Amino acid sequence: MFQKSLIAAVVAAGLCVSSLAWAETVYVTKNGKKFHKAACELVKKSTLTELDEVNAKEQGYEPCKKCFKAEKTAEEQAAESGK
């Protein structure tokens, strides 16, 4: 029983680490509430802090609507189609 629990814990930890490894690098400004891609026109490069997307979301940042416009959630798409 202990071995099965240990194996399950190791697999779960591996999945968490692998998902973080694939997280996209994003950028936040000092006073902003959004995270951006490196090429976003709305941010100045000299004032950016680099994070991975998972950490940015955990810290309360939301995706920039301009540089993440193709990655809208199903709820956002449904809301727009109802206009």
N, C-alpha and C. Protein backbone atom coordinates (compact mmCIF):
# COMPACT_ATOMS: atom_id res chain seq x y z
N MET A 1 0.83 -1.20 0.00
CA MET A 1 0.00 0.00 0.00
C MET A 1 0.87 1.26 0.00
N PHE A 2 1.93 1.26 0.82
CA PHE A 2 2.81 2.41 0.89
C PHE A 2 3.48 2.67 -0.45
N GLN A 3 3.89 1.59 -1.15
CA GLN A 3 4.55 1.75 -2.44
C GLN A 3 3.62 2.40 -3.46
N LYS A 4 2.35 2.01 -3.47
CA LYS A 4 1.39 2.59 -4.41
C LYS A 4 1.20 4.08 -4.13
N SER A 5 1.14 4.43 -2.86
CA SER A 5 0.98 5.84 -2.49
C SER A 5 2.21 6.65 -2.89
N LEU A 6 3.38 6.06 -2.67
CA LEU A 6 4.62 6.73 -3.02
C LEU A 6 4.73 6.92 -4.53
N ILE A 7 4.37 5.90 -5.28
CA ILE A 7 4.42 6.00 -6.73
C ILE A 7 3.45 7.06 -7.23
N ALA A 8 2.25 7.07 -6.66
CA ALA A 8 1.25 8.07 -7.06
C ALA A 8 1.75 9.48 -6.76
N ALA A 9 2.41 9.67 -5.63
CA ALA A 9 2.93 10.99 -5.26
C ALA A 9 4.04 11.42 -6.21
N VAL A 10 4.90 10.50 -6.57
CA VAL A 10 6.00 10.82 -7.49
C VAL A 10 5.45 11.18 -8.87
N VAL A 11 4.47 10.43 -9.35
CA VAL A 11 3.86 10.72 -10.65
C VAL A 11 3.17 12.08 -10.63
N ALA A 12 2.43 12.36 -9.57
CA ALA A 12 1.75 13.66 -9.46
C ALA A 12 2.75 14.81 -9.43
N ALA A 13 3.82 14.64 -8.69
CA ALA A 13 4.85 15.69 -8.63
C ALA A 13 5.49 15.89 -10.00
N GLY A 14 5.72 14.81 -10.71
CA GLY A 14 6.29 14.91 -12.06
C GLY A 14 5.38 15.64 -13.01
N LEU A 15 4.08 15.40 -12.91
CA LEU A 15 3.13 16.11 -13.77
C LEU A 15 3.11 17.59 -13.47
N CYS A 16 3.18 17.95 -12.19
CA CYS A 16 3.20 19.37 -11.82
C CYS A 16 4.45 20.05 -12.37
N VAL A 17 5.59 19.42 -12.22
CA VAL A 17 6.84 20.00 -12.70
C VAL A 17 6.83 20.10 -14.22
N SER A 18 6.32 19.07 -14.90
CA SER A 18 6.32 19.12 -16.36
C SER A 18 5.38 20.19 -16.88
N SER A 19 4.26 20.43 -16.19
CA SER A 19 3.36 21.48 -16.66
C SER A 19 3.99 22.85 -16.47
N LEU A 20 4.78 23.03 -15.41
CA LEU A 20 5.47 24.31 -15.22
C LEU A 20 6.55 24.50 -16.26
N ALA A 21 7.18 23.42 -16.69
CA ALA A 21 8.24 23.52 -17.69
C ALA A 21 7.70 24.02 -19.03
N TRP A 22 6.44 23.77 -19.29
CA TRP A 22 5.84 24.18 -20.56
C TRP A 22 5.13 25.52 -20.46
N ALA A 23 5.10 26.12 -19.29
CA ALA A 23 4.42 27.41 -19.13
C ALA A 23 5.17 28.48 -19.92
N GLU A 24 4.40 29.29 -20.60
CA GLU A 24 4.97 30.36 -21.41
C GLU A 24 5.53 31.48 -20.54
N THR A 25 6.64 32.05 -20.95
CA THR A 25 7.19 33.21 -20.26
C THR A 25 6.36 34.42 -20.65
N VAL A 26 5.93 35.17 -19.65
CA VAL A 26 5.14 36.37 -19.87
C VAL A 26 5.79 37.52 -19.11
N TYR A 27 5.29 38.72 -19.32
CA TYR A 27 5.90 39.91 -18.74
C TYR A 27 4.83 40.79 -18.11
N VAL A 28 5.16 41.36 -16.96
CA VAL A 28 4.25 42.26 -16.27
C VAL A 28 4.96 43.58 -16.02
N THR A 29 4.18 44.65 -15.93
CA THR A 29 4.74 45.96 -15.62
C THR A 29 4.63 46.19 -14.12
N LYS A 30 5.30 47.21 -13.65
CA LYS A 30 5.34 47.50 -12.21
C LYS A 30 3.94 47.73 -11.63
N ASN A 31 3.11 48.47 -12.33
CA ASN A 31 1.80 48.82 -11.78
C ASN A 31 0.62 48.18 -12.53
N GLY A 32 0.90 47.36 -13.54
CA GLY A 32 -0.16 46.79 -14.34
C GLY A 32 -0.86 45.61 -13.69
N LYS A 33 -2.00 45.23 -14.26
CA LYS A 33 -2.79 44.11 -13.77
C LYS A 33 -2.84 42.98 -14.80
N LYS A 34 -2.16 43.17 -15.94
CA LYS A 34 -2.19 42.20 -17.04
C LYS A 34 -0.80 41.65 -17.27
N PHE A 35 -0.76 40.44 -17.86
CA PHE A 35 0.53 39.92 -18.32
C PHE A 35 0.54 39.91 -19.83
N HIS A 36 1.73 40.05 -20.40
CA HIS A 36 1.90 40.27 -21.83
C HIS A 36 2.92 39.32 -22.42
N LYS A 37 2.82 39.13 -23.73
CA LYS A 37 3.86 38.42 -24.47
C LYS A 37 4.99 39.41 -24.74
N ALA A 38 6.16 38.89 -25.05
CA ALA A 38 7.34 39.74 -25.25
C ALA A 38 7.14 40.78 -26.35
N ALA A 39 6.39 40.43 -27.39
CA ALA A 39 6.24 41.33 -28.53
C ALA A 39 5.04 42.27 -28.42
N CYS A 40 4.37 42.29 -27.29
CA CYS A 40 3.18 43.14 -27.15
C CYS A 40 3.54 44.61 -27.30
N GLU A 41 2.72 45.32 -28.06
CA GLU A 41 2.94 46.74 -28.33
C GLU A 41 2.58 47.63 -27.13
N LEU A 42 1.86 47.07 -26.16
CA LEU A 42 1.35 47.89 -25.07
C LEU A 42 2.31 48.05 -23.89
N VAL A 43 3.45 47.42 -23.93
CA VAL A 43 4.37 47.51 -22.79
C VAL A 43 5.73 48.04 -23.22
N LYS A 44 6.39 48.68 -22.30
CA LYS A 44 7.75 49.17 -22.54
C LYS A 44 8.71 48.13 -21.99
N LYS A 45 9.65 47.71 -22.79
CA LYS A 45 10.57 46.64 -22.42
C LYS A 45 11.37 46.93 -21.15
N SER A 46 11.72 48.17 -20.90
CA SER A 46 12.59 48.49 -19.78
C SER A 46 11.91 48.37 -18.42
N THR A 47 10.60 48.29 -18.37
CA THR A 47 9.90 48.25 -17.09
C THR A 47 9.25 46.89 -16.81
N LEU A 48 9.68 45.84 -17.49
CA LEU A 48 9.02 44.56 -17.38
C LEU A 48 9.67 43.62 -16.38
N THR A 49 8.84 42.81 -15.75
CA THR A 49 9.30 41.71 -14.91
C THR A 49 8.87 40.42 -15.58
N GLU A 50 9.79 39.48 -15.67
CA GLU A 50 9.53 38.21 -16.35
C GLU A 50 8.95 37.19 -15.35
N LEU A 51 7.89 36.52 -15.76
CA LEU A 51 7.25 35.45 -14.98
C LEU A 51 6.85 34.34 -15.94
N ASP A 52 6.53 33.17 -15.40
CA ASP A 52 5.88 32.20 -16.27
C ASP A 52 4.38 32.40 -16.12
N GLU A 53 3.63 31.99 -17.11
CA GLU A 53 2.20 32.28 -17.16
C GLU A 53 1.46 31.72 -15.94
N VAL A 54 1.84 30.55 -15.47
CA VAL A 54 1.18 29.95 -14.31
C VAL A 54 1.35 30.84 -13.08
N ASN A 55 2.57 31.29 -12.83
CA ASN A 55 2.81 32.17 -11.67
C ASN A 55 2.10 33.51 -11.83
N ALA A 56 2.06 34.03 -13.04
CA ALA A 56 1.37 35.30 -13.26
C ALA A 56 -0.11 35.18 -12.89
N LYS A 57 -0.73 34.09 -13.32
CA LYS A 57 -2.15 33.87 -12.99
C LYS A 57 -2.34 33.68 -11.49
N GLU A 58 -1.43 32.94 -10.85
CA GLU A 58 -1.51 32.72 -9.41
C GLU A 58 -1.38 34.03 -8.64
N GLN A 59 -0.64 34.99 -9.19
CA GLN A 59 -0.45 36.28 -8.54
C GLN A 59 -1.56 37.26 -8.88
N GLY A 60 -2.56 36.82 -9.62
CA GLY A 60 -3.73 37.66 -9.89
C GLY A 60 -3.69 38.44 -11.19
N TYR A 61 -2.65 38.26 -12.00
CA TYR A 61 -2.59 38.94 -13.28
C TYR A 61 -3.51 38.25 -14.28
N GLU A 62 -4.04 39.01 -15.22
CA GLU A 62 -4.89 38.49 -16.28
C GLU A 62 -4.18 38.68 -17.62
N PRO A 63 -4.52 37.87 -18.63
CA PRO A 63 -3.87 38.03 -19.93
C PRO A 63 -4.27 39.33 -20.61
N CYS A 64 -3.32 39.96 -21.25
CA CYS A 64 -3.58 41.16 -22.06
C CYS A 64 -4.52 40.78 -23.20
N LYS A 65 -5.55 41.58 -23.41
CA LYS A 65 -6.52 41.27 -24.46
C LYS A 65 -5.93 41.45 -25.85
N LYS A 66 -4.91 42.27 -25.97
CA LYS A 66 -4.32 42.50 -27.29
C LYS A 66 -3.40 41.35 -27.70
N CYS A 67 -2.47 40.98 -26.83
CA CYS A 67 -1.50 39.96 -27.25
C CYS A 67 -1.96 38.53 -27.00
N PHE A 68 -3.03 38.34 -26.25
CA PHE A 68 -3.58 36.99 -26.04
C PHE A 68 -4.98 36.87 -26.65
N LYS A 69 -5.30 37.71 -27.63
CA LYS A 69 -6.66 37.73 -28.18
C LYS A 69 -7.07 36.42 -28.83
N ALA A 70 -6.15 35.66 -29.37
CA ALA A 70 -6.49 34.39 -30.02
C ALA A 70 -6.73 33.29 -29.00
N GLU A 71 -6.44 33.54 -27.74
CA GLU A 71 -6.53 32.52 -26.71
C GLU A 71 -7.67 32.80 -25.73
N LYS A 72 -8.80 33.26 -26.22
CA LYS A 72 -9.93 33.57 -25.37
C LYS A 72 -10.55 32.29 -24.83
N THR A 73 -11.13 32.41 -23.65
CA THR A 73 -11.79 31.26 -23.04
C THR A 73 -13.13 31.02 -23.73
N ALA A 74 -13.69 29.85 -23.51
CA ALA A 74 -14.99 29.52 -24.08
C ALA A 74 -16.06 30.49 -23.57
N GLU A 75 -15.96 30.90 -22.31
CA GLU A 75 -16.92 31.86 -21.74
C GLU A 75 -16.83 33.20 -22.44
N GLU A 76 -15.61 33.68 -22.70
CA GLU A 76 -15.44 34.95 -23.39
C GLU A 76 -16.00 34.88 -24.81
N GLN A 77 -15.74 33.76 -25.49
CA GLN A 77 -16.25 33.60 -26.86
C GLN A 77 -17.77 33.56 -26.88
N ALA A 78 -18.37 32.87 -25.91
CA ALA A 78 -19.83 32.79 -25.84
C ALA A 78 -20.44 34.16 -25.56
N ALA A 79 -19.79 34.94 -24.68
CA ALA A 79 -20.29 36.27 -24.34
C ALA A 79 -20.24 37.19 -25.55
N GLU A 80 -19.18 37.08 -26.34
CA GLU A 80 -19.05 37.93 -27.53
C GLU A 80 -20.06 37.53 -28.60
N SER A 81 -20.33 36.25 -28.74
CA SER A 81 -21.27 35.81 -29.79
C SER A 81 -22.70 36.17 -29.43
N GLY A 82 -22.96 36.44 -28.14
CA GLY A 82 -24.29 36.83 -27.70
C GLY A 82 -24.58 38.30 -27.87
N LYS A 83 -23.61 39.09 -28.33
CA LYS A 83 -23.80 40.54 -28.48
C LYS A 83 -24.66 40.87 -29.66
